Amino acid sequence: MSNNSNAVEQHGCVVCGKIYSLLVEYAPDGQLVDCTITSPGRRRVPDAHWPLVACSRHTETEVETALARHYPGKAVEDREDD
């Protein structure tokens, strides 16, 4: 039986690109299990496949617009349900 692996990764805000540190957990097959953002002033953006983060100061509309730009054709509900 294989154990999940943890990694510390740097990810940019989906809106402005500001860099945040994340502790990310992956299953043995490479699938995202969970992530925790360790930097202040941020929030997690729900997604089943990628560890995404946004600054706390961005509105929900700004985040949704940025996601639509980065992931065209994939609705917010699709990302959360995958």
C-alpha atoms as a PDB file:
ATOM      1  CA  MET A   1       0.000   0.000   0.000  1.00  0.00           C
ATOM      2  CA  SER A   2       1.361   3.416  -1.000  1.00  0.00           C
ATOM      3  CA  ASN A   3       1.062   6.497   1.151  1.00  0.00           C
ATOM      4  CA  ASN A   4       0.051   9.975   0.054  1.00  0.00           C
ATOM      5  CA  SER A   5       2.892  12.409  -0.542  1.00  0.00           C
ATOM      6  CA  ASN A   6       3.177  15.995   0.663  1.00  0.00           C
ATOM      7  CA  ALA A   7       4.892  18.858  -1.110  1.00  0.00           C
ATOM      8  CA  VAL A   8       5.429  22.531  -0.380  1.00  0.00           C
ATOM      9  CA  GLU A   9       4.600  24.440  -3.555  1.00  0.00           C
ATOM     10  CA  GLN A  10       4.443  28.064  -4.660  1.00  0.00           C
ATOM     11  CA  HIS A  11       1.263  29.104  -6.495  1.00  0.00           C
ATOM     12  CA  GLY A  12       0.147  32.483  -7.769  1.00  0.00           C
ATOM     13  CA  CYS A  13      -3.194  34.163  -7.132  1.00  0.00           C
ATOM     14  CA  VAL A  14      -5.510  33.307 -10.037  1.00  0.00           C
ATOM     15  CA  VAL A  15      -6.390  37.019 -10.343  1.00  0.00           C
ATOM     16  CA  CYS A  16      -3.162  38.986  -9.877  1.00  0.00           C
ATOM     17  CA  GLY A  17      -0.386  36.396  -9.625  1.00  0.00           C
ATOM     18  CA  LYS A  18       0.824  37.220  -6.090  1.00  0.00           C
ATOM     19  CA  ILE A  19       2.778  34.192  -4.857  1.00  0.00           C
ATOM     20  CA  TYR A  20       1.606  32.073  -1.900  1.00  0.00           C
ATOM     21  CA  SER A  21       3.065  28.971  -0.239  1.00  0.00           C
ATOM     22  CA  LEU A  22       0.883  25.864  -0.112  1.00  0.00           C
ATOM     23  CA  LEU A  23       1.257  22.489   1.556  1.00  0.00           C
ATOM     24  CA  VAL A  24      -0.211  20.089  -0.996  1.00  0.00           C
ATOM     25  CA  GLU A  25      -1.113  16.419  -0.499  1.00  0.00           C
ATOM     26  CA  TYR A  26      -1.191  14.072  -3.495  1.00  0.00           C
ATOM     27  CA  ALA A  27      -2.454  10.492  -3.747  1.00  0.00           C
ATOM     28  CA  PRO A  28      -0.015   7.863  -5.073  1.00  0.00           C
ATOM     29  CA  ASP A  29      -1.626   8.184  -8.533  1.00  0.00           C
ATOM     30  CA  GLY A  30      -0.860  11.945  -8.583  1.00  0.00           C
ATOM     31  CA  GLN A  31      -4.396  13.143  -7.857  1.00  0.00           C
ATOM     32  CA  LEU A  32      -4.832  16.158  -5.573  1.00  0.00           C
ATOM     33  CA  VAL A  33      -6.102  15.096  -2.132  1.00  0.00           C
ATOM     34  CA  ASP A  34      -6.016  18.405  -0.229  1.00  0.00           C
ATOM     35  CA  CYS A  35      -4.036  21.585   0.198  1.00  0.00           C
ATOM     36  CA  THR A  36      -3.445  24.161   2.909  1.00  0.00           C
ATOM     37  CA  ILE A  37      -2.283  27.689   2.199  1.00  0.00           C
ATOM     38  CA  THR A  38       0.415  28.678   4.669  1.00  0.00           C
ATOM     39  CA  SER A  39       0.758  32.353   3.659  1.00  0.00           C
ATOM     40  CA  PRO A  40      -1.429  35.119   5.163  1.00  0.00           C
ATOM     41  CA  GLY A  41      -3.945  37.203   3.175  1.00  0.00           C
ATOM     42  CA  ARG A  42      -5.262  34.442   0.956  1.00  0.00           C
ATOM     43  CA  ARG A  43      -8.123  32.014   0.381  1.00  0.00           C
ATOM     44  CA  ARG A  44      -8.396  28.668  -1.322  1.00  0.00           C
ATOM     45  CA  VAL A  45     -10.283  28.454  -4.603  1.00  0.00           C
ATOM     46  CA  PRO A  46     -12.203  25.149  -4.759  1.00  0.00           C
ATOM     47  CA  ASP A  47     -10.998  22.844  -7.517  1.00  0.00           C
ATOM     48  CA  ALA A  48     -10.842  19.055  -7.622  1.00  0.00           C
ATOM     49  CA  HIS A  49      -7.697  18.842  -9.773  1.00  0.00           C
ATOM     50  CA  TRP A  50      -5.444  21.813  -8.947  1.00  0.00           C
ATOM     51  CA  PRO A  51      -4.343  23.631  -5.790  1.00  0.00           C
ATOM     52  CA  LEU A  52      -5.699  27.113  -6.552  1.00  0.00           C
ATOM     53  CA  VAL A  53      -5.429  30.258  -4.427  1.00  0.00           C
ATOM     54  CA  ALA A  54      -6.662  33.867  -4.550  1.00  0.00           C
ATOM     55  CA  CYS A  55      -5.921  36.950  -2.479  1.00  0.00           C
ATOM     56  CA  SER A  56      -8.522  37.674   0.206  1.00  0.00           C
ATOM     57  CA  ARG A  57      -9.048  41.165  -1.203  1.00  0.00           C
ATOM     58  CA  HIS A  58     -10.388  39.945  -4.584  1.00  0.00           C
ATOM     59  CA  THR A  59     -14.159  39.695  -4.995  1.00  0.00           C
ATOM     60  CA  GLU A  60     -15.861  36.466  -5.964  1.00  0.00           C
ATOM     61  CA  THR A  61     -16.636  37.999  -9.372  1.00  0.00           C
ATOM     62  CA  GLU A  62     -12.940  38.776  -9.976  1.00  0.00           C
ATOM     63  CA  VAL A  63     -12.003  35.205  -9.075  1.00  0.00           C
ATOM     64  CA  GLU A  64     -14.711  33.709 -11.317  1.00  0.00           C
ATOM     65  CA  THR A  65     -13.625  35.943 -14.224  1.00  0.00           C
ATOM     66  CA  ALA A  66      -9.992  34.917 -13.792  1.00  0.00           C
ATOM     67  CA  LEU A  67     -10.937  31.233 -13.644  1.00  0.00           C
ATOM     68  CA  ALA A  68     -13.037  31.549 -16.797  1.00  0.00           C
ATOM     69  CA  ARG A  69     -10.006  33.118 -18.503  1.00  0.00           C
ATOM     70  CA  HIS A  70      -7.600  30.404 -17.312  1.00  0.00           C
ATOM     71  CA  TYR A  71     -10.009  27.452 -17.648  1.00  0.00           C
ATOM     72  CA  PRO A  72     -12.361  28.340 -20.538  1.00  0.00           C
ATOM     73  CA  GLY A  73     -15.496  26.244 -20.835  1.00  0.00           C
ATOM     74  CA  LYS A  74     -15.305  24.869 -17.321  1.00  0.00           C
ATOM     75  CA  ALA A  75     -17.925  26.277 -14.919  1.00  0.00           C
ATOM     76  CA  VAL A  76     -17.307  26.805 -11.194  1.00  0.00           C
ATOM     77  CA  GLU A  77     -19.775  24.010 -10.357  1.00  0.00           C
ATOM     78  CA  ASP A  78     -17.868  21.603 -12.650  1.00  0.00           C
ATOM     79  CA  ARG A  79     -14.599  22.264 -10.826  1.00  0.00           C
ATOM     80  CA  GLU A  80     -16.126  21.667  -7.398  1.00  0.00           C
ATOM     81  CA  ASP A  81     -17.918  18.454  -8.383  1.00  0.00           C
ATOM     82  CA  ASP A  82     -15.038  16.704 -10.208  1.00  0.00           C
END
